[in-house]
C-alpha atoms as a PDB file:
ATOM      1  CA  MET A   1     -30.912  37.227 -43.306  1.00  0.00           C
ATOM      2  CA  GLN A   2     -27.150  36.873 -43.453  1.00  0.00           C
ATOM      3  CA  LEU A   3     -25.942  34.684 -40.591  1.00  0.00           C
ATOM      4  CA  ASP A   4     -22.297  34.524 -39.506  1.00  0.00           C
ATOM      5  CA  PRO A   5     -22.018  32.905 -36.041  1.00  0.00           C
ATOM      6  CA  ALA A   6     -18.237  33.422 -36.024  1.00  0.00           C
ATOM      7  CA  HIS A   7     -18.624  37.175 -36.600  1.00  0.00           C
ATOM      8  CA  PRO A   8     -22.053  38.445 -35.342  1.00  0.00           C
ATOM      9  CA  PRO A   9     -21.407  42.122 -36.257  1.00  0.00           C
ATOM     10  CA  ALA A  10     -21.403  41.031 -39.929  1.00  0.00           C
ATOM     11  CA  GLU A  11     -24.898  39.550 -39.616  1.00  0.00           C
ATOM     12  CA  ARG A  12     -27.759  41.280 -41.430  1.00  0.00           C
ATOM     13  CA  LEU A  13     -31.506  40.974 -41.037  1.00  0.00           C
ATOM     14  CA  THR A  14     -34.506  42.580 -42.710  1.00  0.00           C
ATOM     15  CA  VAL A  15     -38.025  41.430 -41.839  1.00  0.00           C
ATOM     16  CA  SER A  16     -41.096  42.688 -43.657  1.00  0.00           C
ATOM     17  CA  VAL A  17     -44.624  41.780 -42.566  1.00  0.00           C
ATOM     18  CA  PRO A  18     -47.726  42.492 -44.660  1.00  0.00           C
ATOM     19  CA  ILE A  19     -50.022  44.326 -42.241  1.00  0.00           C
ATOM     20  CA  GLY A  20     -52.972  43.294 -44.402  1.00  0.00           C
ATOM     21  CA  SER A  21     -52.460  39.750 -43.094  1.00  0.00           C
ATOM     22  CA  LEU A  22     -53.506  40.936 -39.619  1.00  0.00           C
ATOM     23  CA  GLN A  23     -56.400  38.898 -38.205  1.00  0.00           C
ATOM     24  CA  ALA A  24     -58.444  39.279 -35.040  1.00  0.00           C
ATOM     25  CA  THR A  25     -60.969  36.952 -33.442  1.00  0.00           C
ATOM     26  CA  ARG A  26     -63.897  38.766 -35.096  1.00  0.00           C
ATOM     27  CA  ASN A  27     -64.211  39.813 -38.769  1.00  0.00           C
ATOM     28  CA  ARG A  28     -65.530  43.252 -37.758  1.00  0.00           C
ATOM     29  CA  LEU A  29     -62.497  43.866 -35.540  1.00  0.00           C
ATOM     30  CA  THR A  30     -60.123  42.599 -38.254  1.00  0.00           C
ATOM     31  CA  GLY A  31     -61.611  45.132 -40.685  1.00  0.00           C
ATOM     32  CA  GLU A  32     -61.447  47.967 -38.154  1.00  0.00           C
ATOM     33  CA  LEU A  33     -57.790  47.261 -37.330  1.00  0.00           C
ATOM     34  CA  LYS A  34     -56.968  47.568 -41.055  1.00  0.00           C
ATOM     35  CA  ASP A  35     -58.879  50.867 -41.442  1.00  0.00           C
ATOM     36  CA  ALA A  36     -57.337  54.351 -41.535  1.00  0.00           C
ATOM     37  CA  ASP A  37     -57.922  54.910 -37.786  1.00  0.00           C
ATOM     38  CA  TRP A  38     -55.632  52.001 -36.940  1.00  0.00           C
ATOM     39  CA  SER A  39     -53.038  50.494 -39.266  1.00  0.00           C
ATOM     40  CA  ASP A  40     -54.282  52.088 -42.530  1.00  0.00           C
ATOM     41  CA  THR A  41     -53.199  49.135 -44.663  1.00  0.00           C
ATOM     42  CA  ASP A  42     -54.150  50.928 -47.893  1.00  0.00           C
ATOM     43  CA  ARG A  43     -51.429  53.555 -47.303  1.00  0.00           C
ATOM     44  CA  TYR A  44     -49.004  51.474 -45.226  1.00  0.00           C
ATOM     45  CA  PRO A  45     -49.242  47.843 -46.387  1.00  0.00           C
ATOM     46  CA  ASP A  46     -46.059  46.582 -44.679  1.00  0.00           C
ATOM     47  CA  ALA A  47     -44.121  46.868 -41.446  1.00  0.00           C
ATOM     48  CA  THR A  48     -40.362  46.495 -41.910  1.00  0.00           C
ATOM     49  CA  LEU A  49     -37.541  45.983 -39.435  1.00  0.00           C
ATOM     50  CA  THR A  50     -33.976  46.523 -40.649  1.00  0.00           C
ATOM     51  CA  ALA A  51     -31.219  45.500 -38.235  1.00  0.00           C
ATOM     52  CA  THR A  52     -28.347  47.910 -37.631  1.00  0.00           C
ATOM     53  CA  SER A  53     -26.379  45.764 -35.163  1.00  0.00           C
ATOM     54  CA  VAL A  54     -26.387  42.233 -33.789  1.00  0.00           C
ATOM     55  CA  VAL A  55     -24.818  41.602 -30.376  1.00  0.00           C
ATOM     56  CA  PRO A  56     -24.683  38.186 -28.637  1.00  0.00           C
ATOM     57  CA  ALA A  57     -26.467  38.108 -25.269  1.00  0.00           C
ATOM     58  CA  GLY A  58     -25.945  34.974 -23.208  1.00  0.00           C
ATOM     59  CA  THR A  59     -25.596  31.436 -24.518  1.00  0.00           C
ATOM     60  CA  ASP A  60     -28.564  31.372 -26.904  1.00  0.00           C
ATOM     61  CA  GLY A  61     -29.634  35.008 -27.109  1.00  0.00           C
ATOM     62  CA  THR A  62     -28.905  38.003 -29.280  1.00  0.00           C
ATOM     63  CA  ASP A  63     -29.885  41.658 -29.068  1.00  0.00           C
ATOM     64  CA  ILE A  64     -30.823  42.976 -32.499  1.00  0.00           C
ATOM     65  CA  SER A  65     -30.893  46.756 -32.745  1.00  0.00           C
ATOM     66  CA  GLY A  66     -32.629  48.204 -35.750  1.00  0.00           C
ATOM     67  CA  ASN A  67     -35.203  50.514 -37.221  1.00  0.00           C
ATOM     68  CA  LEU A  68     -38.874  49.595 -37.366  1.00  0.00           C
ATOM     69  CA  THR A  69     -41.032  51.285 -39.993  1.00  0.00           C
ATOM     70  CA  LEU A  70     -44.714  51.019 -39.142  1.00  0.00           C
ATOM     71  CA  HIS A  71     -47.603  53.235 -40.254  1.00  0.00           C
ATOM     72  CA  GLY A  72     -45.170  55.444 -42.181  1.00  0.00           C
ATOM     73  CA  VAL A  73     -43.000  56.180 -39.126  1.00  0.00           C
ATOM     74  CA  THR A  74     -39.491  54.821 -38.552  1.00  0.00           C
ATOM     75  CA  SER A  75     -38.235  54.415 -34.983  1.00  0.00           C
ATOM     76  CA  PRO A  76     -35.299  52.563 -33.402  1.00  0.00           C
ATOM     77  CA  MET A  77     -35.961  49.439 -31.394  1.00  0.00           C
ATOM     78  CA  VAL A  78     -34.151  46.469 -29.876  1.00  0.00           C
ATOM     79  CA  LEU A  79     -35.347  42.904 -30.325  1.00  0.00           C
ATOM     80  CA  GLN A  80     -34.320  40.203 -27.870  1.00  0.00           C
ATOM     81  CA  ALA A  81     -33.778  37.180 -30.106  1.00  0.00           C
ATOM     82  CA  ARG A  82     -33.431  33.578 -29.024  1.00  0.00           C
ATOM     83  CA  TYR A  83     -31.984  30.736 -31.044  1.00  0.00           C
ATOM     84  CA  ILE A  84     -34.490  27.862 -31.303  1.00  0.00           C
ATOM     85  CA  GLY A  85     -32.592  25.323 -33.380  1.00  0.00           C
ATOM     86  CA  ALA A  86     -31.177  24.314 -36.736  1.00  0.00           C
ATOM     87  CA  GLY A  87     -31.367  21.338 -39.027  1.00  0.00           C
ATOM     88  CA  VAL A  88     -32.387  20.045 -42.421  1.00  0.00           C
ATOM     89  CA  ASN A  89     -36.000  20.804 -43.337  1.00  0.00           C
ATOM     90  CA  PRO A  90     -37.562  17.419 -44.245  1.00  0.00           C
ATOM     91  CA  LEU A  91     -39.829  19.020 -46.869  1.00  0.00           C
ATOM     92  CA  ASN A  92     -37.305  20.873 -49.018  1.00  0.00           C
ATOM     93  CA  ARG A  93     -33.972  19.502 -47.679  1.00  0.00           C
ATOM     94  CA  ALA A  94     -32.715  23.059 -47.045  1.00  0.00           C
ATOM     95  CA  ASN A  95     -30.488  23.790 -44.053  1.00  0.00           C
ATOM     96  CA  THR A  96     -32.759  25.843 -41.787  1.00  0.00           C
ATOM     97  CA  VAL A  97     -32.205  27.897 -38.643  1.00  0.00           C
ATOM     98  CA  LYS A  98     -35.025  29.013 -36.336  1.00  0.00           C
ATOM     99  CA  PHE A  99     -35.278  32.078 -34.094  1.00  0.00           C
ATOM    100  CA  GLU A 100     -37.848  33.862 -31.975  1.00  0.00           C
ATOM    101  CA  ALA A 101     -37.581  37.549 -31.112  1.00  0.00           C
ATOM    102  CA  THR A 102     -39.587  39.904 -28.899  1.00  0.00           C
ATOM    103  CA  ALA A 103     -39.743  43.647 -28.361  1.00  0.00           C
ATOM    104  CA  THR A 104     -42.085  46.170 -26.814  1.00  0.00           C
ATOM    105  CA  LEU A 105     -43.248  49.305 -28.593  1.00  0.00           C
ATOM    106  CA  ARG A 106     -45.643  52.156 -28.006  1.00  0.00           C
ATOM    107  CA  ARG A 107     -48.198  52.383 -30.813  1.00  0.00           C
ATOM    108  CA  SER A 108     -48.564  56.131 -30.269  1.00  0.00           C
ATOM    109  CA  GLU A 109     -44.925  56.584 -31.386  1.00  0.00           C
ATOM    110  CA  PHE A 110     -46.060  55.322 -34.787  1.00  0.00           C
ATOM    111  CA  GLY A 111     -49.125  57.565 -34.989  1.00  0.00           C
ATOM    112  CA  ILE A 112     -51.592  54.792 -34.127  1.00  0.00           C
ATOM    113  CA  THR A 113     -53.703  56.531 -31.506  1.00  0.00           C
ATOM    114  CA  ALA A 114     -57.245  55.217 -32.022  1.00  0.00           C
ATOM    115  CA  TYR A 115     -59.184  54.949 -28.749  1.00  0.00           C
ATOM    116  CA  MET A 116     -56.243  56.176 -26.661  1.00  0.00           C
ATOM    117  CA  PRO A 117     -55.660  55.608 -23.821  1.00  0.00           C
ATOM    118  CA  MET A 118     -57.577  52.365 -24.148  1.00  0.00           C
ATOM    119  CA  PRO A 119     -56.953  49.553 -25.107  1.00  0.00           C
ATOM    120  CA  GLY A 120     -53.463  50.666 -24.158  1.00  0.00           C
ATOM    121  CA  ASP A 121     -50.355  52.050 -25.783  1.00  0.00           C
ATOM    122  CA  THR A 122     -47.883  49.236 -25.167  1.00  0.00           C
ATOM    123  CA  VAL A 123     -47.710  46.424 -27.719  1.00  0.00           C
ATOM    124  CA  THR A 124     -45.544  43.320 -27.476  1.00  0.00           C
ATOM    125  CA  LEU A 125     -44.131  42.325 -30.835  1.00  0.00           C
ATOM    126  CA  ILE A 126     -43.247  38.644 -31.333  1.00  0.00           C
ATOM    127  CA  ILE A 127     -41.449  37.428 -34.456  1.00  0.00           C
ATOM    128  CA  ALA A 128     -40.962  33.714 -35.017  1.00  0.00           C
ATOM    129  CA  GLY A 129     -39.033  32.753 -38.106  1.00  0.00           C
ATOM    130  CA  ALA A 130     -37.292  29.948 -39.880  1.00  0.00           C
ATOM    131  CA  PHE A 131     -34.608  30.898 -42.372  1.00  0.00           C
ATOM    132  CA  ALA A 132     -33.501  28.491 -45.089  1.00  0.00           C
ATOM    133  CA  LYS A 133     -30.027  28.546 -46.638  1.00  0.00           C
ATOM    134  CA  HIS A 134     -30.034  29.206 -50.369  1.00  0.00           C
ATOM    135  CA  ASN A 135     -27.003  28.524 -52.515  1.00  0.00           C
END
């Protein structure tokens, strides 16, 4: 993440999530969600969002437009991000800024169609992150 509050269009963000870290409430379901019929973590181990624009929205919000790559498919999406806070992390003394972002996607757009139409096509994506400043 490159953060420039004085010039938001210069900000950059790339988020990558290891899909293999996915966990459900039951081990059997966790395994099934990682199988080829669902996320196929052997072929597509990560989901990656790369921001293409950052536009302030309100007093503590930002709309982040970007491209999400999931299950080998890249599609545009917009995240609604909210500033949570900033300060010095007491563990490592690094200046840290915290955000939360949400978006809605259709899993079928990414080729994840197991058991369609149930349990549903719409998925709410929530990203919570803390970013530490490195010199």
